[in-house]
Amino acid sequence: MASGKIEELHKKLNDLIATANEKQQEELKKEFTEFSKIYQRFLEGKSSRIQWNKIKQLSDDAIVKYENLIEPSISDHAQMLNKLVVIKLNGGLGTSMGCTGPKSQIVVKDNRTFLELTVEQINYLNHTCNVKIPLVFMNSFNTDDDTENVLANLRNPNIFLYSFLQSCYPRIAKDTLMPIASTSDIKDFYDAWYPPGHGDFYTSFWDSGLLERLINEGKEYCFVSNVDNLGATVDLKLLNLIMNNCDECEIPEFVMEVTEKTRADVKGGTLILYEGKVSLLELAQVPDENVNDFKSVKYFKYFNTNNLWISLKAINRLVTDNKLNLDIIINNKSLSDGTKVIQLETAVGAAMKYFNKSIGVKVPRSRFLPVKKCSDLVLVKSNLYENENGSLIVSPKRTFPNTPILSLDEKYFKTVAKASARFKGIPDLIELDLLIVTGDVTFGQGVILKGTVVIVANEGCKIDIPNGAILENNVIEGDLRIGEY
C-alpha cells in the first residue's frame, strides 16, 4: 500500500510543481526527495507517537545546573566568540497576534523589532570584544523577502549577516493523503505549501552551503534560538560548556537549555530518557490518555526553551551520513475554505538523541522571554525591562524574583492593533504581581499597577482607567470610570 501511495504522491507532486512559475519550480524540486522520505515514514506509521511505558524520567543529577558552569577568563572571550555562529529561527508570521508579514518585524522595545534588537546584540558583542560573530537567519518562504529587505539596510562592516531558506513541503488532504489541488494563483499556491517546522534546520543549513562555508572559515559551534525569544542571548558560560570540560560532564556536541516549568508552560517539550537516550518529548507525541501526565508540573519539572548550542562539525557529519530521522509531528490544520489538511513537521530539538553527548542545562527563567501573545508584548514594552545593547534585562527597580502574570481578554486584546488602541500608554508594572482584565477596558497614560489588580467590565459595560491612576490590590467591576469608583 505504501509503495502505491508513494507512486501516486510522485505524480501528484509533479503536477503540483508544474503549476508554479519557473523559479519556484527549481526551488520546489529540491524539496522532493526529503519530503518523499518523511511521507513514506508517515505512511509506515513511523510518526512521533511514543510508548508511554518506555519513558523514564531524567534524574535531577542528569540536568546540568547553570550555576555550576565555569565562567571563562576574560582573556579567552575573543578566541571563544570567534568560533561561534548565532542562528535565529525566523520562519514564523505574526498571524496569531493579528499581524501580517514576519513576526520578527513586530516592534517590541524602544521602537525596535525582534530583528533589529538581535542585530544590535551581535553588533555590540563584535564591537566590544573585537570579534566577528556571524548572524544567520533561517527564513521560510513566508518571511524571506521581507527579512532580506530589512537586512539590506542593517548590514555594516561590524557584522556579517546571512540567511538561508528552509524547505517548502506540500500540505496533504486528510481524507486522501495526497497533496491538495492548486492553481497558478499565488494565494492558492501558498495554501498548498508550508514550511515544515524548525526541525528542517539541519538539512536546509547543509543544503544552503552556508554550513560548509562557516566551518571552512574556522567556526565550530552555533547558538540556535527562536527569533521571538528575547532572553536568548550569547552566554559565555554556556559557550564554554560546549567548548571545554566542565565539572559535571564531558564535552557535549549538543546542549539544550531547559528551565523550570510553571503552569503556564504545560505544553512545552520536556527531556526524557527513552530507549537509553536523552530525548525531547513534545506534546504532539503523547498518547491522548497520557496528556495530563505530560502536563504535570510535578512529574516533568523542566521544559525546552529551544535555545540550543550545537557542534557544526557534528551537524555536518549527521546530515552527510543521513542519520537524522527526526520524529514526525502530525499537525492537523483547516484551511480558510474548510479543507482538512495534514502537515508533517519536525522539531529542531528532537535531533539531540543523534548527537554524541547531548545534555540539558537548567538555566534561569530570564533566558526564556518569548513574545507569543499581546500580554507578553505589553510586558516587554513596559518599564519592567530595560534594553541594554539589544538585550532585555529586568529593571533593578523590580525587587521581586517572579515575573508578573498578565491575563488580557482576547476578545479585546488579542491583536497588536486592538491592544495598542486600549493602551494609551504602557502601565508601570515594576510592582505588579498579577493583572486580570476581562471585557471592554482601556488604560490611559501614566497608569501604575501594583500587587494584584483585577478589572472586569461585564457584558455591555465599559471601564476606562484614566491617566495617572494608581491601582494597588484593586478589584474593579461594573460599568464605570475609575474616577467615579
Protein backbone atom coordinates (compact mmCIF):
# COMPACT_ATOMS: atom_id res chain seq x y z
CA MET A 1 0.00 0.00 0.00
CA ALA A 2 2.81 2.41 0.92
CA SER A 3 4.58 1.91 -2.42
CA GLY A 4 1.36 2.62 -4.35
CA LYS A 5 0.78 5.78 -2.33
CA ILE A 6 4.36 6.90 -2.94
CA GLU A 7 3.93 6.46 -6.71
CA GLU A 8 0.65 8.39 -6.57
CA LEU A 9 2.35 11.08 -4.48
CA HIS A 10 5.12 11.49 -7.06
CA LYS A 11 2.60 12.03 -9.84
CA LYS A 12 0.50 14.47 -7.80
CA LEU A 13 3.59 16.33 -6.63
CA ASN A 14 4.91 16.73 -10.16
CA ASP A 15 1.51 18.05 -11.22
CA LEU A 16 1.54 20.47 -8.29
CA ILE A 17 5.06 21.71 -9.03
CA ALA A 18 4.05 22.29 -12.65
CA THR A 19 1.57 24.97 -11.50
CA ALA A 20 4.41 27.11 -10.12
CA ASN A 21 6.49 29.59 -12.07
CA GLU A 22 9.95 28.65 -13.33
CA LYS A 23 11.86 29.97 -10.33
CA GLN A 24 9.50 28.30 -7.88
CA GLN A 25 9.75 25.01 -9.78
CA GLU A 26 13.53 24.92 -9.35
CA GLU A 27 13.22 25.55 -5.63
CA LEU A 28 10.40 23.08 -5.06
CA LYS A 29 12.11 20.22 -6.88
CA LYS A 30 14.87 20.40 -4.27
CA GLU A 31 12.32 19.58 -1.59
CA PHE A 32 11.02 16.49 -3.39
CA THR A 33 13.46 13.91 -2.04
CA GLU A 34 13.29 14.94 1.62
CA PHE A 35 9.51 15.18 1.64
CA SER A 36 9.21 11.75 0.00
CA LYS A 37 11.31 10.29 2.83
CA ILE A 38 9.23 11.80 5.62
CA TYR A 39 5.98 10.95 3.79
CA GLN A 40 7.00 7.29 3.42
CA ARG A 41 7.88 7.09 7.12
CA PHE A 42 4.49 8.65 7.88
CA LEU A 43 2.68 6.01 5.78
CA GLU A 44 4.62 3.25 7.51
CA GLY A 45 3.39 4.52 10.87
CA LYS A 46 6.77 5.90 11.92
CA SER A 47 5.32 9.08 13.33
CA SER A 48 6.12 10.76 16.60
CA ARG A 49 3.91 8.72 18.94
CA ILE A 50 5.84 7.09 21.75
CA GLN A 51 5.17 4.16 24.07
CA TRP A 52 4.44 5.80 27.38
CA ASN A 53 5.59 2.85 29.47
CA LYS A 54 9.08 3.14 27.95
CA ILE A 55 9.58 6.68 29.22
CA LYS A 56 11.97 7.22 32.09
CA GLN A 57 12.37 10.50 33.89
CA LEU A 58 15.76 12.11 33.95
CA SER A 59 17.10 12.48 37.46
CA ASP A 60 17.93 15.97 38.71
CA ASP A 61 21.59 14.95 38.55
CA ALA A 62 21.25 14.33 34.80
CA ILE A 63 20.48 18.00 34.19
CA VAL A 64 23.50 20.29 34.45
CA LYS A 65 22.88 23.33 36.65
CA TYR A 66 23.71 26.71 35.15
CA GLU A 67 25.10 27.96 38.46
CA ASN A 68 27.71 25.17 38.35
CA LEU A 69 29.08 26.18 34.96
CA ILE A 70 32.55 27.65 34.72
CA GLU A 71 32.95 31.33 33.84
CA PRO A 72 35.75 31.58 31.23
CA SER A 73 38.51 34.09 31.80
CA ILE A 74 38.20 37.42 30.01
CA SER A 75 41.37 36.67 28.07
CA ASP A 76 39.59 33.69 26.43
CA HIS A 77 36.44 35.56 25.37
CA ALA A 78 37.57 36.70 21.94
CA GLN A 79 39.01 33.32 20.97
CA MET A 80 35.81 31.56 22.02
CA LEU A 81 33.43 34.02 20.34
CA ASN A 82 35.33 33.85 17.06
CA LYS A 83 34.34 30.17 16.85
CA LEU A 84 30.64 30.94 17.26
CA VAL A 85 27.76 31.44 14.83
CA VAL A 86 24.41 32.82 16.06
CA ILE A 87 21.36 31.45 14.22
CA LYS A 88 17.80 32.70 14.60
CA LEU A 89 14.79 30.62 13.52
CA ASN A 90 12.79 33.18 11.58
CA GLY A 91 10.13 31.26 9.68
CA GLY A 92 7.02 32.39 11.53
CA LEU A 93 4.42 35.01 10.74
CA GLY A 94 2.73 37.27 13.28
CA THR A 95 -0.74 36.00 12.41
CA SER A 96 -1.54 34.82 15.96
CA MET A 97 -1.16 38.45 17.06
CA GLY A 98 -3.10 39.84 14.12
CA CYS A 99 -0.05 40.96 12.14
CA THR A 100 0.93 40.33 8.55
CA GLY A 101 4.48 39.57 7.50
CA PRO A 102 7.35 38.13 9.57
CA LYS A 103 6.86 38.06 13.31
CA SER A 104 10.44 39.27 13.66
CA GLN A 105 9.30 42.67 12.36
CA ILE A 106 6.87 43.39 15.18
CA VAL A 107 8.05 46.39 17.21
CA VAL A 108 8.77 45.17 20.74
CA LYS A 109 11.02 47.64 22.59
CA ASP A 110 12.25 51.21 22.15
CA ASN A 111 10.79 51.30 18.64
CA ARG A 112 12.92 48.29 17.66
CA THR A 113 11.76 44.98 16.19
CA PHE A 114 12.91 41.48 17.19
CA LEU A 115 15.21 41.51 14.18
CA GLU A 116 16.71 44.91 14.98
CA LEU A 117 17.31 44.01 18.64
CA THR A 118 19.08 40.81 17.56
CA VAL A 119 21.35 42.69 15.16
CA GLU A 120 22.07 45.25 17.91
CA GLN A 121 23.11 42.44 20.31
CA ILE A 122 25.62 40.93 17.89
CA ASN A 123 26.89 44.33 16.77
CA TYR A 124 27.64 45.17 20.39
CA LEU A 125 29.45 41.88 21.04
CA ASN A 126 31.51 42.20 17.88
CA HIS A 127 32.46 45.79 18.69
CA THR A 128 33.28 45.40 22.39
CA CYS A 129 35.12 42.06 22.09
CA ASN A 130 36.74 42.82 18.71
CA VAL A 131 35.32 39.64 17.14
CA LYS A 132 33.29 38.71 14.07
CA ILE A 133 30.30 36.60 15.11
CA PRO A 134 28.13 35.93 12.04
CA LEU A 135 24.38 36.32 12.48
CA VAL A 136 22.28 33.91 10.41
CA PHE A 137 18.52 33.82 9.88
CA MET A 138 16.64 30.71 8.78
CA ASN A 139 13.71 32.13 6.82
CA SER A 140 10.66 30.45 5.35
CA PHE A 141 9.06 31.32 2.03
CA ASN A 142 6.64 33.39 4.13
CA THR A 143 9.36 35.59 5.64
CA ASP A 144 12.31 35.56 3.23
CA ASP A 145 11.62 38.57 1.00
CA ASP A 146 10.59 40.90 3.84
CA THR A 147 13.53 39.86 6.01
CA GLU A 148 16.05 40.34 3.21
CA ASN A 149 14.71 43.84 2.57
CA VAL A 150 15.26 44.77 6.23
CA LEU A 151 18.71 43.15 6.46
CA ALA A 152 19.85 45.11 3.42
CA ASN A 153 19.52 48.29 5.49
CA LEU A 154 21.15 46.82 8.62
CA ARG A 155 24.36 45.48 7.11
CA ASN A 156 27.55 47.23 8.22
CA PRO A 157 31.29 46.44 8.40
CA ASN A 158 30.93 45.28 12.02
CA ILE A 159 28.65 42.32 11.32
CA PHE A 160 28.22 39.51 8.80
CA LEU A 161 24.51 38.95 8.15
CA TYR A 162 23.45 35.79 6.34
CA SER A 163 20.21 33.97 5.69
CA PHE A 164 19.08 30.71 4.16
CA LEU A 165 15.70 29.34 3.18
CA GLN A 166 14.10 26.40 4.92
CA SER A 167 12.19 23.75 2.98
CA CYS A 168 8.73 24.05 1.47
CA TYR A 169 6.55 20.93 1.73
CA PRO A 170 3.10 20.18 0.23
CA ARG A 171 0.08 20.05 2.51
CA ILE A 172 -1.77 16.77 2.13
CA ALA A 173 -5.51 16.30 2.30
CA LYS A 174 -6.58 14.42 5.42
CA ASP A 175 -9.05 12.22 3.56
CA THR A 176 -6.92 11.20 0.55
CA LEU A 177 -3.39 11.67 1.99
CA MET A 178 -2.49 13.35 -1.29
CA PRO A 179 -1.27 16.93 -1.93
CA ILE A 180 -4.17 19.34 -2.12
CA ALA A 181 -5.08 20.83 -5.50
CA SER A 182 -3.50 24.11 -6.57
CA THR A 183 -3.68 26.61 -9.38
CA SER A 184 -1.20 29.19 -10.62
CA ASP A 185 -2.95 31.77 -8.45
CA ILE A 186 -0.35 32.83 -5.83
CA LYS A 187 -2.78 32.64 -2.91
CA ASP A 188 -3.86 29.12 -3.77
CA PHE A 189 -0.23 28.19 -4.39
CA TYR A 190 0.81 29.16 -0.85
CA ASP A 191 -2.26 27.43 0.57
CA ALA A 192 -0.84 24.22 -0.89
CA TRP A 193 2.63 24.52 0.69
CA TYR A 194 4.03 25.03 4.18
CA PRO A 195 7.39 25.37 6.00
CA PRO A 196 7.83 22.01 7.81
CA GLY A 197 8.82 23.19 11.29
CA HIS A 198 12.23 24.16 12.62
CA GLY A 199 13.48 20.55 12.60
CA ASP A 200 14.18 21.26 8.95
CA PHE A 201 17.09 23.44 10.11
CA TYR A 202 19.77 20.79 9.75
CA THR A 203 19.23 19.74 6.14
CA SER A 204 18.37 23.27 4.96
CA PHE A 205 21.50 24.69 6.61
CA TRP A 206 23.59 21.96 4.95
CA ASP A 207 21.87 22.31 1.55
CA SER A 208 22.44 26.08 1.54
CA GLY A 209 26.21 25.59 1.50
CA LEU A 210 26.48 28.01 4.41
CA LEU A 211 27.35 25.28 6.92
CA GLU A 212 30.38 24.19 4.91
CA ARG A 213 31.43 27.79 4.33
CA LEU A 214 31.33 28.67 8.03
CA ILE A 215 33.26 25.54 9.01
CA ASN A 216 35.91 26.42 6.44
CA GLU A 217 36.11 29.89 8.00
CA GLY A 218 37.01 28.35 11.36
CA LYS A 219 33.59 28.42 13.02
CA GLU A 220 32.95 25.44 15.28
CA TYR A 221 29.69 25.98 17.16
CA CYS A 222 26.29 27.54 16.64
CA PHE A 223 23.79 29.01 19.07
CA VAL A 224 20.29 28.41 17.71
CA SER A 225 17.14 30.02 19.13
CA ASN A 226 13.72 31.36 18.17
CA VAL A 227 13.85 34.94 16.91
CA ASP A 228 10.97 35.90 19.24
CA ASN A 229 12.77 34.77 22.41
CA LEU A 230 14.27 37.99 23.73
CA GLY A 231 16.06 36.13 26.52
CA ALA A 232 18.14 34.05 24.09
CA THR A 233 21.41 35.98 24.16
CA VAL A 234 25.01 34.80 23.79
CA ASP A 235 26.20 33.44 27.13
CA LEU A 236 29.92 32.79 27.70
CA LYS A 237 29.33 30.16 30.40
CA LEU A 238 27.17 28.09 28.06
CA LEU A 239 29.59 28.55 25.17
CA ASN A 240 32.40 27.45 27.47
CA LEU A 241 30.42 24.31 28.34
CA ILE A 242 30.22 23.09 24.75
CA MET A 243 33.83 24.06 24.05
CA ASN A 244 35.53 22.78 27.20
CA ASN A 245 35.19 20.25 30.01
CA CYS A 246 33.01 21.13 32.97
CA ASP A 247 32.79 19.58 36.42
CA GLU A 248 29.65 17.59 35.65
CA CYS A 249 30.12 16.26 32.11
CA GLU A 250 32.36 15.59 29.14
CA ILE A 251 32.40 17.96 26.20
CA PRO A 252 28.96 17.62 24.53
CA GLU A 253 28.05 18.05 20.86
CA PHE A 254 24.55 19.27 21.69
CA VAL A 255 23.35 21.39 24.63
CA MET A 256 19.68 22.18 25.22
CA GLU A 257 18.70 24.93 27.63
CA VAL A 258 15.77 23.94 29.82
CA THR A 259 14.12 25.88 32.59
CA GLU A 260 11.65 25.15 35.37
CA LYS A 261 8.12 24.51 34.20
CA THR A 262 5.23 26.56 35.55
CA ARG A 263 1.52 26.07 34.93
CA ALA A 264 1.87 28.47 32.00
CA ASP A 265 4.37 26.12 30.32
CA VAL A 266 2.49 22.80 30.47
CA LYS A 267 2.55 22.38 26.67
CA GLY A 268 6.32 22.82 26.34
CA GLY A 269 8.53 19.91 25.29
CA THR A 270 10.47 18.16 28.03
CA LEU A 271 13.58 15.99 28.34
CA ILE A 272 13.19 12.26 29.00
CA LEU A 273 15.23 9.08 28.86
CA TYR A 274 13.80 6.92 26.07
CA GLU A 275 15.31 3.66 24.93
CA GLY A 276 18.55 4.58 26.62
CA LYS A 277 18.93 8.03 25.05
CA VAL A 278 18.24 11.55 26.29
CA SER A 279 15.36 12.68 24.07
CA LEU A 280 12.92 15.54 23.64
CA LEU A 281 9.25 14.70 24.23
CA GLU A 282 6.71 17.03 22.61
CA LEU A 283 3.01 17.24 23.47
CA ALA A 284 2.06 16.08 19.96
CA GLN A 285 3.89 12.79 20.61
CA VAL A 286 1.96 11.95 23.75
CA PRO A 287 -0.93 9.42 23.63
CA ASP A 288 -4.25 11.09 24.44
CA GLU A 289 -4.66 9.14 27.67
CA ASN A 290 -1.32 10.42 28.98
CA VAL A 291 -1.65 14.14 28.15
CA ASN A 292 -2.48 15.12 31.74
CA ASP A 293 0.61 13.25 32.97
CA PHE A 294 2.74 15.11 30.42
CA LYS A 295 1.38 18.46 31.60
CA SER A 296 2.06 17.67 35.25
CA VAL A 297 4.45 20.17 36.79
CA LYS A 298 5.43 17.61 39.43
CA TYR A 299 6.19 14.77 37.01
CA PHE A 300 8.06 16.79 34.39
CA LYS A 301 9.88 19.66 36.07
CA TYR A 302 11.63 21.26 33.09
CA PHE A 303 10.74 22.29 29.56
CA ASN A 304 12.73 23.08 26.43
CA THR A 305 13.42 26.78 25.77
CA ASN A 306 14.58 25.92 22.22
CA ASN A 307 17.91 27.60 22.95
CA LEU A 308 20.45 25.13 21.55
CA TRP A 309 24.25 25.03 21.37
CA ILE A 310 25.48 22.61 18.70
CA SER A 311 28.75 21.50 17.13
CA LEU A 312 28.86 22.50 13.45
CA LYS A 313 31.05 19.53 12.53
CA ALA A 314 28.58 17.18 14.23
CA ILE A 315 25.71 18.65 12.18
CA ASN A 316 27.76 18.19 9.02
CA ARG A 317 28.56 14.57 9.95
CA LEU A 318 24.98 13.58 10.74
CA VAL A 319 23.44 15.21 7.67
CA THR A 320 26.14 13.88 5.34
CA ASP A 321 25.64 10.35 6.72
CA ASN A 322 21.83 10.72 6.56
CA LYS A 323 21.48 9.92 10.27
CA LEU A 324 18.83 12.47 11.24
CA ASN A 325 15.48 10.69 11.06
CA LEU A 326 13.63 13.12 13.28
CA ASP A 327 10.36 12.17 14.91
CA ILE A 328 7.43 13.21 12.73
CA ILE A 329 4.91 15.55 14.30
CA ILE A 330 1.50 15.33 12.64
CA ASN A 331 -0.05 18.81 12.64
CA ASN A 332 -3.73 18.87 11.66
CA LYS A 333 -4.91 22.12 10.07
CA SER A 334 -8.03 23.58 8.49
CA LEU A 335 -7.69 25.95 5.55
CA SER A 336 -9.87 29.04 5.14
CA ASP A 337 -12.25 27.09 2.89
CA GLY A 338 -12.65 24.35 5.49
CA THR A 339 -10.36 21.81 3.83
CA LYS A 340 -8.82 19.48 6.41
CA VAL A 341 -5.10 19.04 5.80
CA ILE A 342 -2.11 17.42 7.45
CA GLN A 343 1.33 18.97 7.82
CA LEU A 344 4.25 16.65 8.55
CA GLU A 345 6.67 18.59 10.73
CA THR A 346 9.77 18.04 12.87
CA ALA A 347 11.31 19.85 15.86
CA VAL A 348 14.91 21.08 15.94
CA GLY A 349 15.44 19.84 19.49
CA ALA A 350 14.38 16.29 18.61
CA ALA A 351 17.76 15.77 16.91
CA MET A 352 19.56 15.68 20.25
CA LYS A 353 19.37 11.89 20.51
CA TYR A 354 21.55 11.53 17.40
CA PHE A 355 24.43 13.64 18.70
CA ASN A 356 27.24 12.36 20.87
CA LYS A 357 26.97 13.51 24.49
CA SER A 358 23.73 15.53 24.35
CA ILE A 359 22.82 17.22 27.62
CA GLY A 360 20.29 19.57 29.14
CA VAL A 361 21.24 22.62 31.21
CA LYS A 362 18.81 24.16 33.66
CA VAL A 363 19.07 27.90 33.02
CA PRO A 364 17.47 30.91 34.74
CA ARG A 365 13.98 31.79 33.59
CA SER A 366 15.38 35.08 32.26
CA ARG A 367 16.76 33.15 29.26
CA PHE A 368 13.22 32.34 28.17
CA LEU A 369 11.40 35.55 27.25
CA PRO A 370 9.20 34.75 24.25
CA VAL A 371 6.51 37.01 22.85
CA LYS A 372 3.65 34.75 21.81
CA LYS A 373 0.67 36.91 22.82
CA CYS A 374 -0.12 40.58 23.28
CA SER A 375 0.15 40.16 27.05
CA ASP A 376 3.81 39.18 26.51
CA LEU A 377 4.26 42.22 24.29
CA VAL A 378 2.88 44.53 26.99
CA LEU A 379 5.36 43.05 29.48
CA VAL A 380 8.46 43.59 27.35
CA LYS A 381 7.35 47.07 26.30
CA SER A 382 6.86 48.13 29.90
CA ASN A 383 9.37 49.59 32.33
CA LEU A 384 9.80 46.10 33.78
CA TYR A 385 12.50 45.53 31.15
CA GLU A 386 15.38 47.72 30.06
CA ASN A 387 17.19 47.49 26.75
CA GLU A 388 20.94 47.12 27.15
CA ASN A 389 22.62 46.94 23.74
CA GLY A 390 19.84 44.82 22.28
CA SER A 391 19.44 42.57 25.33
CA LEU A 392 16.43 42.93 27.62
CA ILE A 393 17.14 42.77 31.34
CA VAL A 394 14.77 43.07 34.28
CA SER A 395 14.83 46.56 35.77
CA PRO A 396 16.88 46.77 39.00
CA LYS A 397 13.84 48.54 40.49
CA ARG A 398 12.00 45.20 40.43
CA THR A 399 12.59 43.65 43.86
CA PHE A 400 10.51 40.50 43.31
CA PRO A 401 12.09 37.43 41.67
CA ASN A 402 8.97 36.42 39.75
CA THR A 403 7.66 37.94 36.52
CA PRO A 404 4.16 39.48 36.63
CA ILE A 405 1.34 37.43 35.13
CA LEU A 406 -0.90 39.25 32.65
CA SER A 407 -4.23 37.82 31.54
CA LEU A 408 -5.89 40.04 28.94
CA ASP A 409 -9.29 39.27 27.43
CA GLU A 410 -8.52 38.01 23.92
CA LYS A 411 -11.79 39.36 22.57
CA TYR A 412 -10.45 42.88 23.13
CA PHE A 413 -6.65 42.42 23.34
CA LYS A 414 -5.79 39.51 21.00
CA THR A 415 -4.22 41.51 18.17
CA VAL A 416 -1.47 44.11 18.30
CA ALA A 417 -3.82 46.67 16.78
CA LYS A 418 -6.55 46.05 19.36
CA ALA A 419 -4.14 46.05 22.30
CA SER A 420 -2.42 49.24 21.10
CA ALA A 421 -5.77 51.01 20.90
CA ARG A 422 -6.58 50.05 24.50
CA PHE A 423 -3.28 51.18 25.99
CA LYS A 424 -2.73 54.92 25.53
CA GLY A 425 0.49 54.24 27.39
CA ILE A 426 2.02 51.03 28.75
CA PRO A 427 1.41 50.93 32.53
CA ASP A 428 4.15 50.92 35.16
CA LEU A 429 4.47 47.21 36.09
CA ILE A 430 7.51 47.33 38.41
CA GLU A 431 5.50 46.28 41.49
CA LEU A 432 2.80 44.22 39.75
CA ASP A 433 2.22 40.54 40.57
CA LEU A 434 -0.97 39.77 38.66
CA LEU A 435 -3.23 41.64 36.24
CA ILE A 436 -6.51 40.16 35.03
CA VAL A 437 -8.55 42.18 32.52
CA THR A 438 -11.93 41.00 31.26
CA GLY A 439 -14.23 42.88 28.92
CA ASP A 440 -14.18 46.36 27.38
CA VAL A 441 -11.36 48.07 29.30
CA THR A 442 -8.99 50.87 28.27
CA PHE A 443 -5.92 52.33 30.00
CA GLY A 444 -4.82 55.96 29.97
CA GLN A 445 -1.26 57.24 30.15
CA GLY A 446 0.92 57.06 33.26
CA VAL A 447 -1.10 54.28 34.93
CA ILE A 448 0.68 52.44 37.78
CA LEU A 449 -0.31 48.86 38.68
CA LYS A 450 0.82 47.19 41.91
CA GLY A 451 0.18 43.84 43.58
CA THR A 452 -2.90 42.04 42.26
CA VAL A 453 -5.27 44.01 40.05
CA VAL A 454 -8.49 42.56 38.63
CA ILE A 455 -10.62 44.64 36.24
CA VAL A 456 -13.90 43.17 34.96
CA ALA A 457 -16.21 45.06 32.60
CA ASN A 458 -19.35 42.97 32.42
CA GLU A 459 -21.19 42.32 29.16
CA GLY A 460 -22.38 45.62 27.69
CA CYS A 461 -20.28 47.61 30.18
CA LYS A 462 -17.08 49.63 29.80
CA ILE A 463 -14.29 50.65 32.15
CA ASP A 464 -11.78 53.41 31.38
CA ILE A 465 -8.70 53.71 33.58
CA PRO A 466 -7.78 57.44 33.48
CA ASN A 467 -4.34 58.99 33.08
CA GLY A 468 -2.14 58.75 36.17
CA ALA A 469 -4.34 56.24 38.02
CA ILE A 470 -2.63 54.11 40.69
CA LEU A 471 -4.19 50.68 41.28
CA GLU A 472 -2.82 48.53 44.10
CA ASN A 473 -4.54 45.28 45.06
CA ASN A 474 -7.78 46.50 43.49
CA VAL A 475 -10.80 44.62 42.17
CA ILE A 476 -12.91 46.76 39.84
CA GLU A 477 -16.12 45.50 38.30
CA GLY A 478 -19.06 47.04 36.53
CA ASP A 479 -19.64 49.92 34.13
CA LEU A 480 -17.72 52.92 35.33
CA ARG A 481 -14.80 55.32 35.11
CA ILE A 482 -12.30 54.84 37.90
CA GLY A 483 -12.81 58.47 38.88
CA GLU A 484 -16.41 57.62 39.67
CA TYR A 485 -15.34 54.50 41.54
